[in-house]
Amino acid sequence: MSRQAAKDWEKLKQSGTSYAKKAKEFIVIVSENPYQNPPPYEKLSGDLRGYYSRRINIQHRYVYDVRPNVDKLTNEDGELYKGIVHVLRMWTHYE
């Protein structure tokens, strides 16, 4: 998770809305399968090419990419992760 995404997570929690709950659902879903549909995701273009976006609400987006597991990281059972999810943003629209 990027530093900005960590700050965004705090904003979501403090907003007093269901945004944090929805973002938490995305964290779980994306950690299991970043390409799961539903909920729908969108491939981004331009400066954010290679990133994916899921809608938290009409204004906020959960923006992430999937990186190769070059460090050979494993889970608790010793199984290699297929890829590493990096969360870029969770607050505002693509900035």
N, C-alpha and C. Protein backbone atom coordinates (compact mmCIF):
# COMPACT_ATOMS: atom_id res chain seq x y z
N MET A 1 0.86 -1.18 0.00
CA MET A 1 0.00 0.00 0.00
C MET A 1 0.90 1.23 0.00
N SER A 2 0.60 2.16 -0.87
CA SER A 2 1.39 3.39 -0.94
C SER A 2 1.13 4.25 0.30
N ARG A 3 2.01 5.19 0.55
CA ARG A 3 1.81 6.12 1.68
C ARG A 3 0.50 6.87 1.51
N GLN A 4 0.23 7.28 0.26
CA GLN A 4 -1.01 8.01 0.00
C GLN A 4 -2.23 7.13 0.27
N ALA A 5 -2.16 5.87 -0.10
CA ALA A 5 -3.29 4.96 0.16
C ALA A 5 -3.50 4.78 1.66
N ALA A 6 -2.42 4.75 2.44
CA ALA A 6 -2.55 4.64 3.89
C ALA A 6 -3.24 5.89 4.46
N LYS A 7 -2.89 7.06 3.94
CA LYS A 7 -3.56 8.30 4.36
C LYS A 7 -5.02 8.27 3.94
N ASP A 8 -5.26 7.78 2.72
CA ASP A 8 -6.63 7.70 2.21
C ASP A 8 -7.47 6.77 3.08
N TRP A 9 -6.87 5.66 3.53
CA TRP A 9 -7.58 4.71 4.39
C TRP A 9 -8.04 5.40 5.67
N GLU A 10 -7.18 6.23 6.24
CA GLU A 10 -7.55 6.97 7.46
C GLU A 10 -8.70 7.93 7.17
N LYS A 11 -8.67 8.60 6.03
CA LYS A 11 -9.76 9.51 5.66
C LYS A 11 -11.07 8.74 5.52
N LEU A 12 -11.00 7.56 4.90
CA LEU A 12 -12.21 6.75 4.73
C LEU A 12 -12.79 6.36 6.08
N LYS A 13 -11.92 5.95 7.01
CA LYS A 13 -12.39 5.54 8.34
C LYS A 13 -13.00 6.72 9.10
N GLN A 14 -12.43 7.91 8.92
CA GLN A 14 -12.91 9.09 9.64
C GLN A 14 -14.15 9.71 9.00
N SER A 15 -14.46 9.31 7.79
CA SER A 15 -15.58 9.93 7.08
C SER A 15 -16.94 9.59 7.69
N GLY A 16 -16.99 8.54 8.50
CA GLY A 16 -18.24 8.18 9.15
C GLY A 16 -19.28 7.62 8.20
N THR A 17 -18.84 7.13 7.08
CA THR A 17 -19.75 6.55 6.08
C THR A 17 -19.41 5.09 5.87
N SER A 18 -20.05 4.48 4.92
CA SER A 18 -19.78 3.07 4.61
C SER A 18 -18.59 2.92 3.67
N TYR A 19 -17.89 4.00 3.36
CA TYR A 19 -16.77 3.95 2.42
C TYR A 19 -15.66 3.02 2.92
N ALA A 20 -15.34 3.09 4.20
CA ALA A 20 -14.27 2.25 4.74
C ALA A 20 -14.66 0.78 4.65
N LYS A 21 -15.92 0.49 4.90
CA LYS A 21 -16.39 -0.90 4.81
C LYS A 21 -16.25 -1.42 3.38
N LYS A 22 -16.62 -0.61 2.42
CA LYS A 22 -16.52 -1.00 1.02
C LYS A 22 -15.06 -1.18 0.61
N ALA A 23 -14.19 -0.27 1.04
CA ALA A 23 -12.76 -0.38 0.74
C ALA A 23 -12.18 -1.64 1.37
N LYS A 24 -12.60 -1.96 2.58
CA LYS A 24 -12.13 -3.18 3.25
C LYS A 24 -12.58 -4.42 2.46
N GLU A 25 -13.80 -4.40 1.93
CA GLU A 25 -14.28 -5.50 1.09
C GLU A 25 -13.39 -5.65 -0.14
N PHE A 26 -13.00 -4.52 -0.75
CA PHE A 26 -12.13 -4.57 -1.91
C PHE A 26 -10.76 -5.13 -1.55
N ILE A 27 -10.24 -4.78 -0.39
CA ILE A 27 -8.94 -5.30 0.05
C ILE A 27 -8.99 -6.82 0.11
N VAL A 28 -10.07 -7.35 0.68
CA VAL A 28 -10.22 -8.80 0.80
C VAL A 28 -10.37 -9.44 -0.58
N ILE A 29 -11.26 -8.89 -1.39
CA ILE A 29 -11.52 -9.45 -2.73
C ILE A 29 -10.26 -9.42 -3.58
N VAL A 30 -9.59 -8.29 -3.62
CA VAL A 30 -8.42 -8.12 -4.48
C VAL A 30 -7.25 -8.98 -3.98
N SER A 31 -7.14 -9.18 -2.67
CA SER A 31 -6.06 -10.03 -2.17
C SER A 31 -6.26 -11.49 -2.58
N GLU A 32 -7.51 -11.90 -2.75
CA GLU A 32 -7.79 -13.27 -3.17
C GLU A 32 -7.72 -13.43 -4.69
N ASN A 33 -8.28 -12.46 -5.42
CA ASN A 33 -8.28 -12.49 -6.87
C ASN A 33 -8.44 -11.07 -7.40
N PRO A 34 -7.35 -10.43 -7.82
CA PRO A 34 -7.41 -9.03 -8.25
C PRO A 34 -8.27 -8.79 -9.49
N TYR A 35 -8.62 -9.87 -10.20
CA TYR A 35 -9.38 -9.73 -11.44
C TYR A 35 -10.82 -10.24 -11.29
N GLN A 36 -11.24 -10.48 -10.05
CA GLN A 36 -12.60 -10.98 -9.82
C GLN A 36 -13.63 -9.97 -10.29
N ASN A 37 -14.66 -10.50 -10.95
CA ASN A 37 -15.73 -9.65 -11.43
C ASN A 37 -17.03 -10.43 -11.25
N PRO A 38 -18.03 -10.01 -10.48
CA PRO A 38 -18.16 -8.74 -9.79
C PRO A 38 -17.36 -8.72 -8.49
N PRO A 39 -17.21 -7.56 -7.88
CA PRO A 39 -17.59 -6.24 -8.36
C PRO A 39 -16.73 -5.83 -9.55
N PRO A 40 -17.31 -5.03 -10.44
CA PRO A 40 -16.60 -4.67 -11.67
C PRO A 40 -15.35 -3.83 -11.41
N TYR A 41 -14.39 -4.01 -12.27
CA TYR A 41 -13.19 -3.18 -12.24
C TYR A 41 -12.97 -2.62 -13.63
N GLU A 42 -12.13 -1.60 -13.69
CA GLU A 42 -11.85 -0.92 -14.95
C GLU A 42 -10.34 -0.82 -15.11
N LYS A 43 -9.84 -1.14 -16.29
CA LYS A 43 -8.43 -0.94 -16.60
C LYS A 43 -8.23 0.54 -16.90
N LEU A 44 -7.21 1.13 -16.31
CA LEU A 44 -6.97 2.55 -16.50
C LEU A 44 -5.98 2.77 -17.65
N SER A 45 -5.96 3.99 -18.15
CA SER A 45 -5.07 4.34 -19.26
C SER A 45 -4.32 5.62 -18.91
N GLY A 46 -3.52 6.08 -19.84
CA GLY A 46 -2.76 7.32 -19.61
C GLY A 46 -1.68 7.12 -18.57
N ASP A 47 -1.54 8.10 -17.67
CA ASP A 47 -0.51 8.02 -16.62
C ASP A 47 -0.72 6.83 -15.69
N LEU A 48 -1.95 6.33 -15.61
CA LEU A 48 -2.25 5.21 -14.72
C LEU A 48 -2.40 3.90 -15.49
N ARG A 49 -1.80 3.83 -16.65
CA ARG A 49 -1.85 2.60 -17.44
C ARG A 49 -1.22 1.46 -16.63
N GLY A 50 -1.88 0.32 -16.62
CA GLY A 50 -1.40 -0.81 -15.84
C GLY A 50 -2.09 -0.92 -14.49
N TYR A 51 -2.82 0.12 -14.11
CA TYR A 51 -3.57 0.11 -12.86
C TYR A 51 -5.02 -0.26 -13.13
N TYR A 52 -5.68 -0.69 -12.07
CA TYR A 52 -7.10 -1.04 -12.13
C TYR A 52 -7.85 -0.19 -11.12
N SER A 53 -9.13 0.02 -11.37
CA SER A 53 -9.93 0.85 -10.48
C SER A 53 -11.25 0.14 -10.17
N ARG A 54 -11.67 0.26 -8.93
CA ARG A 54 -12.99 -0.20 -8.50
C ARG A 54 -13.67 0.97 -7.80
N ARG A 55 -14.96 1.07 -8.00
CA ARG A 55 -15.72 2.21 -7.48
C ARG A 55 -16.11 1.99 -6.02
N ILE A 56 -15.64 2.89 -5.14
CA ILE A 56 -16.10 2.89 -3.75
C ILE A 56 -17.45 3.59 -3.70
N ASN A 57 -17.52 4.74 -4.34
CA ASN A 57 -18.79 5.46 -4.54
C ASN A 57 -18.62 6.31 -5.79
N ILE A 58 -19.51 7.24 -6.00
CA ILE A 58 -19.46 8.04 -7.24
C ILE A 58 -18.18 8.88 -7.33
N GLN A 59 -17.59 9.25 -6.19
CA GLN A 59 -16.41 10.10 -6.20
C GLN A 59 -15.11 9.33 -5.95
N HIS A 60 -15.12 8.37 -5.06
CA HIS A 60 -13.89 7.71 -4.61
C HIS A 60 -13.66 6.39 -5.33
N ARG A 61 -12.38 6.11 -5.61
CA ARG A 61 -11.97 4.89 -6.31
C ARG A 61 -10.87 4.17 -5.55
N TYR A 62 -10.92 2.86 -5.62
CA TYR A 62 -9.88 1.99 -5.09
C TYR A 62 -8.98 1.66 -6.28
N VAL A 63 -7.77 2.24 -6.33
CA VAL A 63 -6.88 2.12 -7.47
C VAL A 63 -5.68 1.26 -7.07
N TYR A 64 -5.41 0.21 -7.88
CA TYR A 64 -4.35 -0.73 -7.54
C TYR A 64 -3.71 -1.30 -8.80
N ASP A 65 -2.55 -1.93 -8.61
CA ASP A 65 -1.95 -2.72 -9.69
C ASP A 65 -1.46 -4.03 -9.10
N VAL A 66 -1.13 -4.95 -9.98
CA VAL A 66 -0.64 -6.26 -9.55
C VAL A 66 0.78 -6.39 -10.07
N ARG A 67 1.70 -6.60 -9.15
CA ARG A 67 3.12 -6.67 -9.50
C ARG A 67 3.62 -8.11 -9.40
N PRO A 68 4.64 -8.44 -10.17
CA PRO A 68 5.19 -9.80 -10.08
C PRO A 68 5.84 -10.03 -8.72
N ASN A 69 5.83 -11.26 -8.28
CA ASN A 69 6.40 -11.63 -6.99
C ASN A 69 7.89 -11.95 -7.18
N VAL A 70 8.70 -10.93 -7.45
CA VAL A 70 10.13 -11.13 -7.71
C VAL A 70 10.90 -11.50 -6.45
N ASP A 71 10.37 -11.16 -5.28
CA ASP A 71 11.05 -11.48 -4.02
C ASP A 71 10.68 -12.85 -3.49
N LYS A 72 9.85 -13.59 -4.23
CA LYS A 72 9.43 -14.94 -3.85
C LYS A 72 8.78 -14.98 -2.47
N LEU A 73 7.87 -14.01 -2.22
CA LEU A 73 7.15 -13.96 -0.95
C LEU A 73 6.16 -15.11 -0.88
N THR A 74 5.94 -15.62 0.34
CA THR A 74 5.04 -16.75 0.55
C THR A 74 4.00 -16.43 1.61
N ASN A 75 2.93 -17.22 1.61
CA ASN A 75 1.91 -17.09 2.66
C ASN A 75 2.30 -17.94 3.86
N GLU A 76 1.42 -18.04 4.85
CA GLU A 76 1.71 -18.79 6.08
C GLU A 76 1.99 -20.26 5.81
N ASP A 77 1.40 -20.79 4.72
CA ASP A 77 1.57 -22.21 4.38
C ASP A 77 2.79 -22.47 3.51
N GLY A 78 3.55 -21.43 3.22
CA GLY A 78 4.74 -21.58 2.42
C GLY A 78 4.49 -21.56 0.92
N GLU A 79 3.26 -21.24 0.51
CA GLU A 79 2.93 -21.18 -0.91
C GLU A 79 3.32 -19.81 -1.47
N LEU A 80 3.94 -19.82 -2.65
CA LEU A 80 4.32 -18.56 -3.29
C LEU A 80 3.11 -17.77 -3.73
N TYR A 81 3.16 -16.45 -3.50
CA TYR A 81 2.12 -15.58 -4.04
C TYR A 81 2.32 -15.48 -5.55
N LYS A 82 1.22 -15.46 -6.31
CA LYS A 82 1.31 -15.34 -7.77
C LYS A 82 1.66 -13.91 -8.17
N GLY A 83 1.26 -12.94 -7.36
CA GLY A 83 1.54 -11.54 -7.62
C GLY A 83 1.31 -10.74 -6.35
N ILE A 84 1.78 -9.54 -6.33
CA ILE A 84 1.64 -8.65 -5.18
C ILE A 84 0.74 -7.49 -5.58
N VAL A 85 -0.31 -7.25 -4.80
CA VAL A 85 -1.23 -6.14 -5.07
C VAL A 85 -0.69 -4.88 -4.39
N HIS A 86 -0.55 -3.82 -5.16
CA HIS A 86 -0.10 -2.53 -4.64
C HIS A 86 -1.25 -1.54 -4.77
N VAL A 87 -1.72 -1.03 -3.65
CA VAL A 87 -2.84 -0.07 -3.66
C VAL A 87 -2.26 1.34 -3.76
N LEU A 88 -2.69 2.07 -4.78
CA LEU A 88 -2.19 3.42 -5.02
C LEU A 88 -3.03 4.47 -4.30
N ARG A 89 -4.36 4.40 -4.45
CA ARG A 89 -5.26 5.40 -3.88
C ARG A 89 -6.57 4.77 -3.45
N MET A 90 -7.25 5.44 -2.51
CA MET A 90 -8.59 5.05 -2.10
C MET A 90 -9.50 6.25 -1.92
N TRP A 91 -8.98 7.45 -2.13
CA TRP A 91 -9.75 8.67 -1.89
C TRP A 91 -9.68 9.53 -3.13
N THR A 92 -10.73 10.09 -3.53
CA THR A 92 -10.89 10.95 -4.71
C THR A 92 -10.85 10.16 -6.01
N HIS A 93 -11.04 10.88 -7.08
CA HIS A 93 -11.03 10.29 -8.42
C HIS A 93 -9.62 10.43 -8.95
N TYR A 94 -9.19 9.62 -9.83
CA TYR A 94 -7.83 9.48 -10.36
C TYR A 94 -7.01 10.77 -10.34
N GLU A 95 -6.16 10.89 -9.36
CA GLU A 95 -5.27 12.06 -9.28
C GLU A 95 -3.83 11.62 -9.27
